[in-house]
C-alpha atoms as a PDB file:
ATOM      1  CA  MET A   1       6.308  74.503  26.888  1.00  0.00           C
ATOM      2  CA  ASP A   2       8.458  74.949  23.896  1.00  0.00           C
ATOM      3  CA  ASN A   3      10.471  77.663  25.524  1.00  0.00           C
ATOM      4  CA  TRP A   4      11.174  75.656  28.669  1.00  0.00           C
ATOM      5  CA  LYS A   5      14.839  74.752  29.021  1.00  0.00           C
ATOM      6  CA  LYS A   6      16.098  71.173  29.922  1.00  0.00           C
ATOM      7  CA  CYS A   7      18.676  71.562  32.668  1.00  0.00           C
ATOM      8  CA  THR A   8      19.701  70.433  36.263  1.00  0.00           C
ATOM      9  CA  ILE A   9      19.191  71.805  39.633  1.00  0.00           C
ATOM     10  CA  ALA A  10      22.774  72.790  39.487  1.00  0.00           C
ATOM     11  CA  ASP A  11      21.959  74.977  36.582  1.00  0.00           C
ATOM     12  CA  ILE A  12      19.243  76.942  38.426  1.00  0.00           C
ATOM     13  CA  GLY A  13      20.808  77.124  41.979  1.00  0.00           C
ATOM     14  CA  THR A  14      23.576  76.210  44.301  1.00  0.00           C
ATOM     15  CA  VAL A  15      23.069  72.978  46.432  1.00  0.00           C
ATOM     16  CA  VAL A  16      24.256  73.340  49.905  1.00  0.00           C
ATOM     17  CA  GLY A  17      24.500  70.703  52.605  1.00  0.00           C
ATOM     18  CA  GLY A  18      24.292  71.327  56.323  1.00  0.00           C
ATOM     19  CA  ALA A  19      25.840  70.114  59.510  1.00  0.00           C
ATOM     20  CA  THR A  20      25.355  69.637  63.275  1.00  0.00           C
ATOM     21  CA  PRO A  21      27.763  71.453  65.734  1.00  0.00           C
ATOM     22  CA  SER A  22      28.943  69.201  68.563  1.00  0.00           C
ATOM     23  CA  THR A  23      26.034  68.762  71.026  1.00  0.00           C
ATOM     24  CA  THR A  24      28.375  68.169  74.009  1.00  0.00           C
ATOM     25  CA  ASN A  25      29.676  71.837  73.709  1.00  0.00           C
ATOM     26  CA  PRO A  26      27.243  74.110  75.331  1.00  0.00           C
ATOM     27  CA  ASN A  27      29.020  77.108  73.605  1.00  0.00           C
ATOM     28  CA  ASN A  28      27.429  75.837  70.331  1.00  0.00           C
ATOM     29  CA  TYR A  29      23.833  76.339  71.544  1.00  0.00           C
ATOM     30  CA  ASP A  30      23.453  78.129  74.842  1.00  0.00           C
ATOM     31  CA  GLY A  31      21.977  81.677  74.053  1.00  0.00           C
ATOM     32  CA  GLY A  32      22.104  80.950  70.230  1.00  0.00           C
ATOM     33  CA  GLN A  33      20.257  83.345  67.852  1.00  0.00           C
ATOM     34  CA  ILE A  34      20.999  81.629  64.687  1.00  0.00           C
ATOM     35  CA  ALA A  35      18.087  79.527  63.321  1.00  0.00           C
ATOM     36  CA  TRP A  36      19.212  75.957  62.804  1.00  0.00           C
ATOM     37  CA  ILE A  37      16.533  73.592  61.235  1.00  0.00           C
ATOM     38  CA  THR A  38      16.453  69.958  61.192  1.00  0.00           C
ATOM     39  CA  PRO A  39      14.167  67.455  59.312  1.00  0.00           C
ATOM     40  CA  LYS A  40      12.139  67.003  62.725  1.00  0.00           C
ATOM     41  CA  ASP A  41      11.175  70.731  62.262  1.00  0.00           C
ATOM     42  CA  LEU A  42       9.604  70.252  59.026  1.00  0.00           C
ATOM     43  CA  SER A  43       7.765  66.996  59.906  1.00  0.00           C
ATOM     44  CA  ASN A  44       4.690  68.861  61.294  1.00  0.00           C
ATOM     45  CA  HIS A  45       5.253  72.147  59.651  1.00  0.00           C
ATOM     46  CA  LYS A  46       2.070  73.400  57.928  1.00  0.00           C
ATOM     47  CA  SER A  47       3.591  76.521  56.006  1.00  0.00           C
ATOM     48  CA  ARG A  48       5.665  76.997  52.998  1.00  0.00           C
ATOM     49  CA  PHE A  49       7.900  79.272  55.049  1.00  0.00           C
ATOM     50  CA  ILE A  50      10.090  78.397  58.071  1.00  0.00           C
ATOM     51  CA  SER A  51      11.966  81.027  60.253  1.00  0.00           C
ATOM     52  CA  HIS A  52      13.268  78.819  62.987  1.00  0.00           C
ATOM     53  CA  GLY A  53      13.520  75.275  64.425  1.00  0.00           C
ATOM     54  CA  GLU A  54      13.192  73.968  67.896  1.00  0.00           C
ATOM     55  CA  ARG A  55      16.931  74.887  68.518  1.00  0.00           C
ATOM     56  CA  ASN A  56      19.105  77.925  67.680  1.00  0.00           C
ATOM     57  CA  ILE A  57      23.111  77.685  67.485  1.00  0.00           C
ATOM     58  CA  THR A  58      25.551  80.349  68.346  1.00  0.00           C
ATOM     59  CA  GLU A  59      28.228  82.094  66.179  1.00  0.00           C
ATOM     60  CA  HIS A  60      30.664  79.605  67.749  1.00  0.00           C
ATOM     61  CA  GLY A  61      28.529  76.606  66.679  1.00  0.00           C
ATOM     62  CA  LEU A  62      28.078  77.907  63.174  1.00  0.00           C
ATOM     63  CA  LYS A  63      31.989  78.252  62.799  1.00  0.00           C
ATOM     64  CA  SER A  64      32.577  74.969  64.476  1.00  0.00           C
ATOM     65  CA  CYS A  65      31.122  72.770  61.706  1.00  0.00           C
ATOM     66  CA  SER A  66      30.436  72.784  58.045  1.00  0.00           C
ATOM     67  CA  THR A  67      26.818  74.290  58.145  1.00  0.00           C
ATOM     68  CA  GLN A  68      26.445  77.710  56.663  1.00  0.00           C
ATOM     69  CA  LEU A  69      23.990  80.527  56.602  1.00  0.00           C
ATOM     70  CA  LEU A  70      21.545  80.180  53.921  1.00  0.00           C
ATOM     71  CA  PRO A  71      19.928  83.448  52.732  1.00  0.00           C
ATOM     72  CA  LYS A  72      16.351  84.298  52.977  1.00  0.00           C
ATOM     73  CA  ASN A  73      14.186  82.481  50.178  1.00  0.00           C
ATOM     74  CA  SER A  74      16.547  79.452  50.071  1.00  0.00           C
ATOM     75  CA  ILE A  75      14.740  76.285  49.546  1.00  0.00           C
ATOM     76  CA  LEU A  76      15.233  73.664  52.266  1.00  0.00           C
ATOM     77  CA  PHE A  77      14.875  70.007  51.065  1.00  0.00           C
ATOM     78  CA  THR A  78      15.546  67.155  53.275  1.00  0.00           C
ATOM     79  CA  SER A  79      17.716  64.567  51.791  1.00  0.00           C
ATOM     80  CA  ARG A  80      17.452  61.672  54.316  1.00  0.00           C
ATOM     81  CA  ALA A  81      15.037  60.374  57.115  1.00  0.00           C
ATOM     82  CA  PRO A  82      12.690  61.277  55.300  1.00  0.00           C
ATOM     83  CA  ILE A  83      13.532  62.485  51.786  1.00  0.00           C
ATOM     84  CA  GLY A  84      11.236  65.337  50.518  1.00  0.00           C
ATOM     85  CA  TYR A  85      10.230  67.814  53.180  1.00  0.00           C
ATOM     86  CA  VAL A  86      10.435  71.215  51.494  1.00  0.00           C
ATOM     87  CA  ALA A  87      10.363  74.650  52.894  1.00  0.00           C
ATOM     88  CA  ILE A  88      11.281  78.270  52.109  1.00  0.00           C
ATOM     89  CA  ALA A  89      13.717  79.985  54.549  1.00  0.00           C
ATOM     90  CA  ALA A  90      11.698  83.094  55.790  1.00  0.00           C
ATOM     91  CA  ASN A  91      15.021  84.540  56.924  1.00  0.00           C
ATOM     92  CA  GLU A  92      18.701  83.416  57.122  1.00  0.00           C
ATOM     93  CA  VAL A  93      18.819  80.027  58.597  1.00  0.00           C
ATOM     94  CA  CYS A  94      21.237  77.037  58.709  1.00  0.00           C
ATOM     95  CA  THR A  95      20.523  73.302  58.608  1.00  0.00           C
ATOM     96  CA  ASN A  96      21.813  70.006  59.817  1.00  0.00           C
ATOM     97  CA  GLN A  97      23.147  67.321  57.438  1.00  0.00           C
ATOM     98  CA  GLY A  98      19.701  65.983  56.758  1.00  0.00           C
ATOM     99  CA  PHE A  99      19.329  68.713  54.100  1.00  0.00           C
ATOM    100  CA  LYS A 100      20.456  69.498  50.548  1.00  0.00           C
ATOM    101  CA  SER A 101      19.031  72.957  50.093  1.00  0.00           C
ATOM    102  CA  VAL A 102      19.064  74.955  47.140  1.00  0.00           C
ATOM    103  CA  ILE A 103      19.993  78.713  46.826  1.00  0.00           C
ATOM    104  CA  PRO A 104      18.262  79.907  43.541  1.00  0.00           C
ATOM    105  CA  ASN A 105      20.383  81.888  41.196  1.00  0.00           C
ATOM    106  CA  GLU A 106      19.373  85.244  39.671  1.00  0.00           C
ATOM    107  CA  ASN A 107      17.453  83.573  36.812  1.00  0.00           C
ATOM    108  CA  THR A 108      15.491  81.420  39.021  1.00  0.00           C
ATOM    109  CA  ASP A 109      12.230  82.514  41.001  1.00  0.00           C
ATOM    110  CA  TYR A 110      12.540  81.074  44.535  1.00  0.00           C
ATOM    111  CA  MET A 111       8.979  80.271  44.821  1.00  0.00           C
ATOM    112  CA  PHE A 112       8.915  78.425  41.370  1.00  0.00           C
ATOM    113  CA  LEU A 113      11.871  76.465  42.673  1.00  0.00           C
ATOM    114  CA  TYR A 114      10.006  75.523  45.679  1.00  0.00           C
ATOM    115  CA  TYR A 115       7.074  74.236  43.448  1.00  0.00           C
ATOM    116  CA  LEU A 116       9.570  72.569  41.241  1.00  0.00           C
ATOM    117  CA  LEU A 117      11.277  70.618  44.042  1.00  0.00           C
ATOM    118  CA  LEU A 118       7.970  69.775  45.675  1.00  0.00           C
ATOM    119  CA  TYR A 119       6.758  68.318  42.372  1.00  0.00           C
ATOM    120  CA  ASN A 120       9.880  66.322  41.764  1.00  0.00           C
ATOM    121  CA  LYS A 121       9.993  64.928  45.276  1.00  0.00           C
ATOM    122  CA  ASP A 122       9.134  61.355  44.165  1.00  0.00           C
ATOM    123  CA  LEU A 123      11.942  61.516  41.500  1.00  0.00           C
ATOM    124  CA  ILE A 124      14.482  62.868  43.803  1.00  0.00           C
ATOM    125  CA  GLU A 125      13.403  60.104  46.505  1.00  0.00           C
ATOM    126  CA  SER A 126      13.909  57.380  43.925  1.00  0.00           C
ATOM    127  CA  MET A 127      17.529  58.578  43.276  1.00  0.00           C
ATOM    128  CA  GLY A 128      18.458  58.181  46.918  1.00  0.00           C
ATOM    129  CA  SER A 129      20.783  55.438  47.888  1.00  0.00           C
ATOM    130  CA  GLY A 130      21.999  53.607  51.076  1.00  0.00           C
ATOM    131  CA  THR A 131      21.472  50.546  53.073  1.00  0.00           C
ATOM    132  CA  THR A 132      20.237  51.696  56.481  1.00  0.00           C
ATOM    133  CA  PHE A 133      18.241  54.462  55.017  1.00  0.00           C
ATOM    134  CA  LYS A 134      18.042  56.193  51.828  1.00  0.00           C
ATOM    135  CA  GLU A 135      19.784  59.422  51.320  1.00  0.00           C
ATOM    136  CA  VAL A 136      20.218  62.008  48.391  1.00  0.00           C
ATOM    137  CA  SER A 137      23.838  63.154  47.936  1.00  0.00           C
ATOM    138  CA  GLY A 138      24.771  66.728  47.009  1.00  0.00           C
ATOM    139  CA  LYS A 139      26.073  65.366  43.678  1.00  0.00           C
ATOM    140  CA  THR A 140      22.860  63.491  42.933  1.00  0.00           C
ATOM    141  CA  MET A 141      20.909  66.517  44.012  1.00  0.00           C
ATOM    142  CA  GLN A 142      22.741  68.785  41.546  1.00  0.00           C
ATOM    143  CA  GLN A 143      22.116  66.314  38.839  1.00  0.00           C
ATOM    144  CA  ILE A 144      18.354  65.980  39.095  1.00  0.00           C
ATOM    145  CA  PRO A 145      16.912  66.783  35.590  1.00  0.00           C
ATOM    146  CA  VAL A 146      14.235  69.480  35.442  1.00  0.00           C
ATOM    147  CA  GLN A 147      12.587  71.710  32.812  1.00  0.00           C
ATOM    148  CA  VAL A 148      12.344  75.408  33.512  1.00  0.00           C
ATOM    149  CA  PRO A 149      10.511  78.322  31.686  1.00  0.00           C
ATOM    150  CA  PRO A 150      11.813  81.751  31.300  1.00  0.00           C
ATOM    151  CA  PHE A 151      11.984  83.883  34.409  1.00  0.00           C
ATOM    152  CA  GLU A 152       8.756  85.816  33.822  1.00  0.00           C
ATOM    153  CA  GLU A 153       6.786  82.530  33.139  1.00  0.00           C
ATOM    154  CA  GLN A 154       8.235  81.245  36.365  1.00  0.00           C
ATOM    155  CA  LYS A 155       6.888  84.226  38.283  1.00  0.00           C
ATOM    156  CA  ARG A 156       3.366  83.816  36.733  1.00  0.00           C
ATOM    157  CA  ILE A 157       3.272  80.030  37.607  1.00  0.00           C
ATOM    158  CA  SER A 158       4.602  80.636  41.095  1.00  0.00           C
ATOM    159  CA  LYS A 159       1.976  83.371  41.641  1.00  0.00           C
ATOM    160  CA  ILE A 160      -0.897  81.255  40.708  1.00  0.00           C
ATOM    161  CA  LEU A 161       0.230  78.229  42.833  1.00  0.00           C
ATOM    162  CA  SER A 162       1.116  80.617  45.733  1.00  0.00           C
ATOM    163  CA  SER A 163      -2.394  82.189  45.679  1.00  0.00           C
ATOM    164  CA  LEU A 164      -3.944  78.715  46.089  1.00  0.00           C
ATOM    165  CA  ASP A 165      -1.590  77.857  48.893  1.00  0.00           C
ATOM    166  CA  ASP A 166      -2.308  81.082  50.690  1.00  0.00           C
ATOM    167  CA  LYS A 167      -5.944  80.081  50.678  1.00  0.00           C
ATOM    168  CA  ILE A 168      -5.077  76.506  51.937  1.00  0.00           C
ATOM    169  CA  GLU A 169      -2.898  77.832  54.612  1.00  0.00           C
ATOM    170  CA  LEU A 170      -5.593  80.407  55.688  1.00  0.00           C
ATOM    171  CA  ASN A 171      -8.184  77.522  55.838  1.00  0.00           C
ATOM    172  CA  ALA A 172      -5.733  75.447  57.908  1.00  0.00           C
ATOM    173  CA  LYS A 173      -5.345  78.442  60.455  1.00  0.00           C
ATOM    174  CA  ILE A 174      -9.155  78.871  60.710  1.00  0.00           C
ATOM    175  CA  ASN A 175      -9.569  75.111  61.332  1.00  0.00           C
ATOM    176  CA  ASP A 176      -6.955  75.219  64.072  1.00  0.00           C
ATOM    177  CA  ASN A 177      -8.573  78.089  65.709  1.00  0.00           C
ATOM    178  CA  LEU A 178     -11.945  76.446  65.510  1.00  0.00           C
ATOM    179  CA  ALA A 179     -10.574  73.425  66.977  1.00  0.00           C
ATOM    180  CA  ALA A 180      -8.875  75.253  69.943  1.00  0.00           C
END
């Protein structure tokens, strides 16, 4: 670990918040084709990857608020109610305000970043603030201290962890089929 670099989340990716288009305007949702993810969508989600949520939004809905399209392989991290659900965008998605997602930079392996955020969930949660419910701000998320190896080592680590998760996910699917 001598060659691991001490840095912050902001050094390895761009932190992006989300938003909710007005729910009273049907033009924001009716017939929408843009995947819009909420923390509720991750609450029972068993895979590392997510492609869509319960609802989609329209182009009008996207433009009506501060949410933005996140590229494939962005890491979605719930920042409130609850803090710490983590998933990888399987395609372009946008999120509501319950997320502080991270778009990895060119020197950061997206899968390594996923595991890094998962590993640091308790630390990130402890940095949340608020009286009604705890929330992690974008600024706080950017300042989370992490240690990151060189890119090729990130790839090796994420490959090992991914192969284990592949087996776990396959076993879960088999169990679901047996229970059905």
